[in-house]
All heavy atoms as atom14 arrays in JSON, in Angstrom:
{
  "sequence": "YGNYTCAGYPGILGHLQTDALTFADWGVDYVKLDGC",
  "atom14_mask": [
    [1, 1, 1, 1, 1, 1, 1, 1, 1, 1, 1, 1, 0, 0],
    [1, 1, 1, 1, 0, 0, 0, 0, 0, 0, 0, 0, 0, 0],
    [1, 1, 1, 1, 1, 1, 1, 1, 0, 0, 0, 0, 0, 0],
    [1, 1, 1, 1, 1, 1, 1, 1, 1, 1, 1, 1, 0, 0],
    [1, 1, 1, 1, 1, 1, 1, 0, 0, 0, 0, 0, 0, 0],
    [1, 1, 1, 1, 1, 1, 0, 0, 0, 0, 0, 0, 0, 0],
    [1, 1, 1, 1, 1, 0, 0, 0, 0, 0, 0, 0, 0, 0],
    [1, 1, 1, 1, 0, 0, 0, 0, 0, 0, 0, 0, 0, 0],
    [1, 1, 1, 1, 1, 1, 1, 1, 1, 1, 1, 1, 0, 0],
    [1, 1, 1, 1, 1, 1, 1, 0, 0, 0, 0, 0, 0, 0],
    [1, 1, 1, 1, 0, 0, 0, 0, 0, 0, 0, 0, 0, 0],
    [1, 1, 1, 1, 1, 1, 1, 1, 0, 0, 0, 0, 0, 0],
    [1, 1, 1, 1, 1, 1, 1, 1, 0, 0, 0, 0, 0, 0],
    [1, 1, 1, 1, 0, 0, 0, 0, 0, 0, 0, 0, 0, 0],
    [1, 1, 1, 1, 1, 1, 1, 1, 1, 1, 0, 0, 0, 0],
    [1, 1, 1, 1, 1, 1, 1, 1, 0, 0, 0, 0, 0, 0],
    [1, 1, 1, 1, 1, 1, 1, 1, 1, 0, 0, 0, 0, 0],
    [1, 1, 1, 1, 1, 1, 1, 0, 0, 0, 0, 0, 0, 0],
    [1, 1, 1, 1, 1, 1, 1, 1, 0, 0, 0, 0, 0, 0],
    [1, 1, 1, 1, 1, 0, 0, 0, 0, 0, 0, 0, 0, 0],
    [1, 1, 1, 1, 1, 1, 1, 1, 0, 0, 0, 0, 0, 0],
    [1, 1, 1, 1, 1, 1, 1, 0, 0, 0, 0, 0, 0, 0],
    [1, 1, 1, 1, 1, 1, 1, 1, 1, 1, 1, 0, 0, 0],
    [1, 1, 1, 1, 1, 0, 0, 0, 0, 0, 0, 0, 0, 0],
    [1, 1, 1, 1, 1, 1, 1, 1, 0, 0, 0, 0, 0, 0],
    [1, 1, 1, 1, 1, 1, 1, 1, 1, 1, 1, 1, 1, 1],
    [1, 1, 1, 1, 0, 0, 0, 0, 0, 0, 0, 0, 0, 0],
    [1, 1, 1, 1, 1, 1, 1, 0, 0, 0, 0, 0, 0, 0],
    [1, 1, 1, 1, 1, 1, 1, 1, 0, 0, 0, 0, 0, 0],
    [1, 1, 1, 1, 1, 1, 1, 1, 1, 1, 1, 1, 0, 0],
    [1, 1, 1, 1, 1, 1, 1, 0, 0, 0, 0, 0, 0, 0],
    [1, 1, 1, 1, 1, 1, 1, 1, 1, 0, 0, 0, 0, 0],
    [1, 1, 1, 1, 1, 1, 1, 1, 0, 0, 0, 0, 0, 0],
    [1, 1, 1, 1, 1, 1, 1, 1, 0, 0, 0, 0, 0, 0],
    [1, 1, 1, 1, 0, 0, 0, 0, 0, 0, 0, 0, 0, 0],
    [1, 1, 1, 1, 1, 1, 0, 0, 0, 0, 0, 0, 0, 0]
  ],
  "atom14_positions": [
    [[94.8, 88.21, 107.63], [93.33, 88.28, 107.77], [92.96, 89.46, 108.62], [92.65, 89.37, 109.87], [92.89, 86.99, 108.42], [91.38, 86.94, 108.43], [90.56, 86.85, 107.38], [90.71, 87.19, 109.66], [89.15, 86.88, 107.39], [89.26, 87.18, 109.77], [88.48, 87.04, 108.69], [87.19, 87.14, 108.71], [0.0, 0.0, 0.0], [0.0, 0.0, 0.0]],
    [[92.96, 90.66, 108.02], [92.63, 91.83, 108.73], [92.49, 93.05, 107.66], [92.55, 92.79, 106.42], [0.0, 0.0, 0.0], [0.0, 0.0, 0.0], [0.0, 0.0, 0.0], [0.0, 0.0, 0.0], [0.0, 0.0, 0.0], [0.0, 0.0, 0.0], [0.0, 0.0, 0.0], [0.0, 0.0, 0.0], [0.0, 0.0, 0.0], [0.0, 0.0, 0.0]],
    [[92.2, 94.12, 108.23], [92.15, 95.32, 107.34], [93.53, 95.67, 106.76], [93.62, 96.22, 105.66], [91.57, 96.56, 108.06], [90.09, 96.35, 108.52], [89.23, 95.94, 107.69], [89.92, 96.48, 109.83], [0.0, 0.0, 0.0], [0.0, 0.0, 0.0], [0.0, 0.0, 0.0], [0.0, 0.0, 0.0], [0.0, 0.0, 0.0], [0.0, 0.0, 0.0]],
    [[94.55, 95.44, 107.43], [95.91, 95.72, 107.13], [96.8, 94.56, 107.54], [96.42, 93.79, 108.42], [96.43, 97.02, 107.76], [95.58, 98.24, 107.55], [94.6, 98.61, 108.36], [95.7, 98.96, 106.32], [93.84, 99.76, 108.15], [94.91, 100.09, 106.0], [93.97, 100.49, 106.95], [93.19, 101.58, 106.65], [0.0, 0.0, 0.0], [0.0, 0.0, 0.0]],
    [[98.0, 94.39, 106.91], [99.05, 93.55, 107.44], [99.57, 94.24, 108.67], [99.34, 95.31, 109.03], [100.11, 93.31, 106.41], [100.91, 94.52, 106.3], [99.52, 92.95, 105.06], [0.0, 0.0, 0.0], [0.0, 0.0, 0.0], [0.0, 0.0, 0.0], [0.0, 0.0, 0.0], [0.0, 0.0, 0.0], [0.0, 0.0, 0.0], [0.0, 0.0, 0.0]],
    [[100.45, 93.48, 109.39], [101.05, 93.91, 110.66], [101.91, 95.16, 110.4], [102.0, 96.05, 111.26], [101.88, 92.84, 111.26], [100.97, 91.42, 111.77], [0.0, 0.0, 0.0], [0.0, 0.0, 0.0], [0.0, 0.0, 0.0], [0.0, 0.0, 0.0], [0.0, 0.0, 0.0], [0.0, 0.0, 0.0], [0.0, 0.0, 0.0], [0.0, 0.0, 0.0]],
    [[102.42, 95.3, 109.12], [103.24, 96.52, 108.87], [102.32, 97.6, 108.08], [102.94, 98.58, 107.64], [104.39, 96.15, 107.91], [0.0, 0.0, 0.0], [0.0, 0.0, 0.0], [0.0, 0.0, 0.0], [0.0, 0.0, 0.0], [0.0, 0.0, 0.0], [0.0, 0.0, 0.0], [0.0, 0.0, 0.0], [0.0, 0.0, 0.0], [0.0, 0.0, 0.0]],
    [[101.09, 97.4, 108.03], [100.22, 98.47, 107.46], [99.94, 98.48, 106.03], [99.44, 99.33, 105.43], [0.0, 0.0, 0.0], [0.0, 0.0, 0.0], [0.0, 0.0, 0.0], [0.0, 0.0, 0.0], [0.0, 0.0, 0.0], [0.0, 0.0, 0.0], [0.0, 0.0, 0.0], [0.0, 0.0, 0.0], [0.0, 0.0, 0.0], [0.0, 0.0, 0.0]],
    [[100.21, 97.3, 105.33], [99.88, 97.14, 103.91], [98.45, 96.57, 103.76], [97.94, 96.19, 104.75], [100.93, 96.17, 103.24], [102.3, 96.86, 103.12], [103.26, 96.83, 104.29], [102.73, 97.55, 102.06], [104.48, 97.41, 104.2], [103.96, 98.18, 101.96], [104.83, 98.21, 103.02], [105.99, 98.76, 102.95], [0.0, 0.0, 0.0], [0.0, 0.0, 0.0]],
    [[97.98, 96.5, 102.57], [96.56, 96.1, 102.43], [96.28, 94.67, 102.99], [97.0, 93.71, 102.63], [96.33, 96.11, 100.92], [97.32, 97.18, 100.4], [98.51, 96.97, 101.31], [0.0, 0.0, 0.0], [0.0, 0.0, 0.0], [0.0, 0.0, 0.0], [0.0, 0.0, 0.0], [0.0, 0.0, 0.0], [0.0, 0.0, 0.0], [0.0, 0.0, 0.0]],
    [[95.27, 94.53, 103.88], [94.85, 93.28, 104.34], [93.9, 92.52, 103.34], [93.48, 93.06, 102.35], [0.0, 0.0, 0.0], [0.0, 0.0, 0.0], [0.0, 0.0, 0.0], [0.0, 0.0, 0.0], [0.0, 0.0, 0.0], [0.0, 0.0, 0.0], [0.0, 0.0, 0.0], [0.0, 0.0, 0.0], [0.0, 0.0, 0.0], [0.0, 0.0, 0.0]],
    [[93.45, 91.3, 103.79], [92.68, 90.53, 102.88], [91.15, 90.69, 103.08], [90.43, 90.3, 102.24], [93.13, 89.03, 103.1], [92.81, 88.19, 101.86], [92.31, 88.44, 104.3], [93.42, 86.85, 101.91], [0.0, 0.0, 0.0], [0.0, 0.0, 0.0], [0.0, 0.0, 0.0], [0.0, 0.0, 0.0], [0.0, 0.0, 0.0], [0.0, 0.0, 0.0]],
    [[90.73, 91.4, 104.18], [89.35, 91.45, 104.43], [88.63, 92.18, 103.3], [89.01, 93.22, 102.82], [89.08, 92.18, 105.72], [89.41, 91.43, 107.04], [88.9, 92.26, 108.27], [88.62, 90.06, 107.08], [0.0, 0.0, 0.0], [0.0, 0.0, 0.0], [0.0, 0.0, 0.0], [0.0, 0.0, 0.0], [0.0, 0.0, 0.0], [0.0, 0.0, 0.0]],
    [[87.51, 91.65, 102.85], [86.74, 92.09, 101.79], [87.2, 91.71, 100.4], [86.66, 92.04, 99.28], [0.0, 0.0, 0.0], [0.0, 0.0, 0.0], [0.0, 0.0, 0.0], [0.0, 0.0, 0.0], [0.0, 0.0, 0.0], [0.0, 0.0, 0.0], [0.0, 0.0, 0.0], [0.0, 0.0, 0.0], [0.0, 0.0, 0.0], [0.0, 0.0, 0.0]],
    [[88.34, 90.94, 100.43], [88.99, 90.48, 99.08], [89.38, 89.07, 99.13], [90.31, 88.63, 98.43], [90.14, 91.39, 98.86], [89.88, 92.84, 98.78], [89.55, 93.47, 97.6], [89.9, 93.77, 99.72], [89.34, 94.73, 97.89], [89.61, 94.92, 99.2], [0.0, 0.0, 0.0], [0.0, 0.0, 0.0], [0.0, 0.0, 0.0], [0.0, 0.0, 0.0]],
    [[88.7, 88.26, 99.94], [89.18, 86.83, 100.11], [89.29, 86.02, 98.8], [90.23, 85.43, 98.41], [88.41, 86.14, 101.18], [88.78, 86.28, 102.67], [88.43, 87.78, 103.08], [87.97, 85.32, 103.59], [0.0, 0.0, 0.0], [0.0, 0.0, 0.0], [0.0, 0.0, 0.0], [0.0, 0.0, 0.0], [0.0, 0.0, 0.0], [0.0, 0.0, 0.0]],
    [[88.15, 86.16, 98.1], [88.14, 85.35, 96.85], [89.03, 85.91, 95.84], [89.71, 85.18, 95.16], [86.6, 85.23, 96.38], [86.56, 84.46, 95.11], [85.06, 84.21, 94.72], [84.26, 84.93, 95.13], [84.83, 83.24, 93.81], [0.0, 0.0, 0.0], [0.0, 0.0, 0.0], [0.0, 0.0, 0.0], [0.0, 0.0, 0.0], [0.0, 0.0, 0.0]],
    [[89.09, 87.25, 95.7], [89.96, 87.84, 94.73], [91.35, 87.55, 95.02], [92.2, 87.25, 94.11], [89.74, 89.41, 94.84], [88.5, 89.75, 94.44], [90.78, 90.08, 93.82], [0.0, 0.0, 0.0], [0.0, 0.0, 0.0], [0.0, 0.0, 0.0], [0.0, 0.0, 0.0], [0.0, 0.0, 0.0], [0.0, 0.0, 0.0], [0.0, 0.0, 0.0]],
    [[91.82, 87.58, 96.28], [93.25, 87.26, 96.6], [93.54, 85.76, 96.38], [94.71, 85.48, 95.91], [93.49, 87.7, 98.1], [93.53, 89.2, 98.26], [93.45, 89.91, 97.19], [93.66, 89.71, 99.42], [0.0, 0.0, 0.0], [0.0, 0.0, 0.0], [0.0, 0.0, 0.0], [0.0, 0.0, 0.0], [0.0, 0.0, 0.0], [0.0, 0.0, 0.0]],
    [[92.62, 84.92, 96.69], [92.9, 83.48, 96.47], [93.14, 83.28, 94.93], [94.0, 82.53, 94.56], [91.71, 82.57, 96.98], [0.0, 0.0, 0.0], [0.0, 0.0, 0.0], [0.0, 0.0, 0.0], [0.0, 0.0, 0.0], [0.0, 0.0, 0.0], [0.0, 0.0, 0.0], [0.0, 0.0, 0.0], [0.0, 0.0, 0.0], [0.0, 0.0, 0.0]],
    [[92.27, 83.88, 94.11], [92.46, 83.7, 92.64], [93.69, 84.36, 92.25], [94.45, 83.79, 91.32], [91.23, 84.34, 91.94], [89.91, 83.62, 92.1], [88.69, 84.43, 91.64], [89.94, 82.3, 91.34], [0.0, 0.0, 0.0], [0.0, 0.0, 0.0], [0.0, 0.0, 0.0], [0.0, 0.0, 0.0], [0.0, 0.0, 0.0], [0.0, 0.0, 0.0]],
    [[94.12, 85.54, 92.8], [95.32, 86.22, 92.39], [96.48, 85.3, 92.72], [97.45, 85.15, 91.91], [95.43, 87.5, 93.16], [94.35, 88.31, 92.8], [96.72, 88.2, 92.77], [0.0, 0.0, 0.0], [0.0, 0.0, 0.0], [0.0, 0.0, 0.0], [0.0, 0.0, 0.0], [0.0, 0.0, 0.0], [0.0, 0.0, 0.0], [0.0, 0.0, 0.0]],
    [[96.5, 84.67, 93.94], [97.7, 83.84, 94.21], [97.71, 82.64, 93.35], [98.82, 82.23, 92.95], [97.46, 83.37, 95.77], [97.55, 84.46, 96.81], [97.0, 84.35, 98.05], [98.17, 85.73, 96.49], [97.03, 85.26, 98.94], [98.18, 86.73, 97.41], [97.64, 86.54, 98.6], [0.0, 0.0, 0.0], [0.0, 0.0, 0.0], [0.0, 0.0, 0.0]],
    [[96.64, 82.06, 93.01], [96.59, 80.87, 92.1], [97.24, 81.32, 90.71], [97.97, 80.65, 90.13], [95.22, 80.39, 91.96], [0.0, 0.0, 0.0], [0.0, 0.0, 0.0], [0.0, 0.0, 0.0], [0.0, 0.0, 0.0], [0.0, 0.0, 0.0], [0.0, 0.0, 0.0], [0.0, 0.0, 0.0], [0.0, 0.0, 0.0], [0.0, 0.0, 0.0]],
    [[96.78, 82.57, 90.29], [97.2, 83.03, 89.01], [98.74, 83.29, 88.94], [99.37, 83.13, 88.01], [96.43, 84.31, 88.54], [95.05, 84.21, 88.26], [94.62, 83.01, 87.97], [94.28, 85.16, 88.24], [0.0, 0.0, 0.0], [0.0, 0.0, 0.0], [0.0, 0.0, 0.0], [0.0, 0.0, 0.0], [0.0, 0.0, 0.0], [0.0, 0.0, 0.0]],
    [[99.26, 83.67, 90.11], [100.68, 83.9, 90.26], [101.5, 82.66, 90.43], [102.73, 82.76, 90.53], [100.94, 84.87, 91.42], [100.55, 86.31, 91.09], [100.3, 86.87, 89.98], [100.4, 87.36, 92.14], [100.01, 88.23, 90.16], [100.0, 88.58, 91.41], [100.54, 87.39, 93.48], [99.82, 89.77, 92.06], [100.29, 88.69, 94.15], [99.93, 89.84, 93.46]],
    [[100.89, 81.52, 90.57], [101.58, 80.29, 90.76], [102.09, 80.0, 92.25], [103.16, 79.41, 92.46], [0.0, 0.0, 0.0], [0.0, 0.0, 0.0], [0.0, 0.0, 0.0], [0.0, 0.0, 0.0], [0.0, 0.0, 0.0], [0.0, 0.0, 0.0], [0.0, 0.0, 0.0], [0.0, 0.0, 0.0], [0.0, 0.0, 0.0], [0.0, 0.0, 0.0]],
    [[101.33, 80.6, 93.19], [101.76, 80.47, 94.61], [101.54, 79.06, 95.03], [100.51, 78.38, 94.72], [101.04, 81.48, 95.46], [101.18, 81.23, 96.89], [101.41, 82.91, 95.13], [0.0, 0.0, 0.0], [0.0, 0.0, 0.0], [0.0, 0.0, 0.0], [0.0, 0.0, 0.0], [0.0, 0.0, 0.0], [0.0, 0.0, 0.0], [0.0, 0.0, 0.0]],
    [[102.47, 78.59, 95.86], [102.42, 77.3, 96.44], [102.2, 77.19, 97.93], [101.82, 76.13, 98.56], [103.7, 76.42, 96.19], [104.1, 76.48, 94.74], [103.34, 75.82, 93.9], [105.15, 77.1, 94.38], [0.0, 0.0, 0.0], [0.0, 0.0, 0.0], [0.0, 0.0, 0.0], [0.0, 0.0, 0.0], [0.0, 0.0, 0.0], [0.0, 0.0, 0.0]],
    [[102.31, 78.31, 98.6], [102.22, 78.37, 100.04], [101.74, 79.75, 100.47], [102.29, 80.77, 99.95], [103.67, 78.12, 100.62], [103.91, 78.25, 102.13], [104.08, 77.11, 102.94], [104.05, 79.44, 102.73], [104.4, 77.19, 104.22], [104.34, 79.57, 104.04], [104.56, 78.43, 104.8], [104.8, 78.46, 106.14], [0.0, 0.0, 0.0], [0.0, 0.0, 0.0]],
    [[100.76, 79.82, 101.28], [100.17, 81.1, 101.78], [100.27, 81.2, 103.25], [99.71, 80.41, 103.96], [98.7, 81.27, 101.3], [98.15, 82.48, 101.8], [98.61, 81.21, 99.74], [0.0, 0.0, 0.0], [0.0, 0.0, 0.0], [0.0, 0.0, 0.0], [0.0, 0.0, 0.0], [0.0, 0.0, 0.0], [0.0, 0.0, 0.0], [0.0, 0.0, 0.0]],
    [[100.9, 82.19, 103.8], [101.0, 82.55, 105.14], [99.92, 83.68, 105.46], [100.12, 84.78, 104.86], [102.35, 82.97, 105.56], [102.54, 83.37, 107.13], [103.95, 83.85, 107.34], [103.96, 84.39, 108.79], [105.4, 84.77, 109.09], [0.0, 0.0, 0.0], [0.0, 0.0, 0.0], [0.0, 0.0, 0.0], [0.0, 0.0, 0.0], [0.0, 0.0, 0.0]],
    [[99.0, 83.41, 106.28], [97.99, 84.34, 106.53], [98.0, 84.78, 108.04], [97.67, 84.01, 108.94], [96.58, 83.79, 106.27], [95.43, 84.8, 106.23], [95.63, 85.85, 105.17], [94.11, 84.1, 105.99], [0.0, 0.0, 0.0], [0.0, 0.0, 0.0], [0.0, 0.0, 0.0], [0.0, 0.0, 0.0], [0.0, 0.0, 0.0], [0.0, 0.0, 0.0]],
    [[98.51, 85.97, 108.23], [98.68, 86.58, 109.55], [97.33, 87.08, 110.15], [96.34, 86.82, 109.61], [99.72, 87.72, 109.47], [100.5, 87.87, 110.83], [100.03, 87.5, 111.89], [101.62, 88.4, 110.56], [0.0, 0.0, 0.0], [0.0, 0.0, 0.0], [0.0, 0.0, 0.0], [0.0, 0.0, 0.0], [0.0, 0.0, 0.0], [0.0, 0.0, 0.0]],
    [[97.32, 87.77, 111.28], [96.04, 88.09, 111.85], [95.97, 89.52, 112.56], [95.18, 89.65, 113.4], [0.0, 0.0, 0.0], [0.0, 0.0, 0.0], [0.0, 0.0, 0.0], [0.0, 0.0, 0.0], [0.0, 0.0, 0.0], [0.0, 0.0, 0.0], [0.0, 0.0, 0.0], [0.0, 0.0, 0.0], [0.0, 0.0, 0.0], [0.0, 0.0, 0.0]],
    [[96.89, 90.4, 112.13], [96.81, 91.72, 112.73], [95.59, 92.5, 112.15], [95.03, 92.14, 111.11], [98.05, 92.5, 112.29], [99.59, 91.99, 113.18], [0.0, 0.0, 0.0], [0.0, 0.0, 0.0], [0.0, 0.0, 0.0], [0.0, 0.0, 0.0], [0.0, 0.0, 0.0], [0.0, 0.0, 0.0], [0.0, 0.0, 0.0], [0.0, 0.0, 0.0]]
  ]
}
């Protein structure tokens, strides 16, 4: 939940709904959301 992940990869801000739908499409069962 930031502009970037702790290691500098794309964060979820601005894409919350898109990423939730993407995870569901991929068959994800568990989501860990960090805060960097």
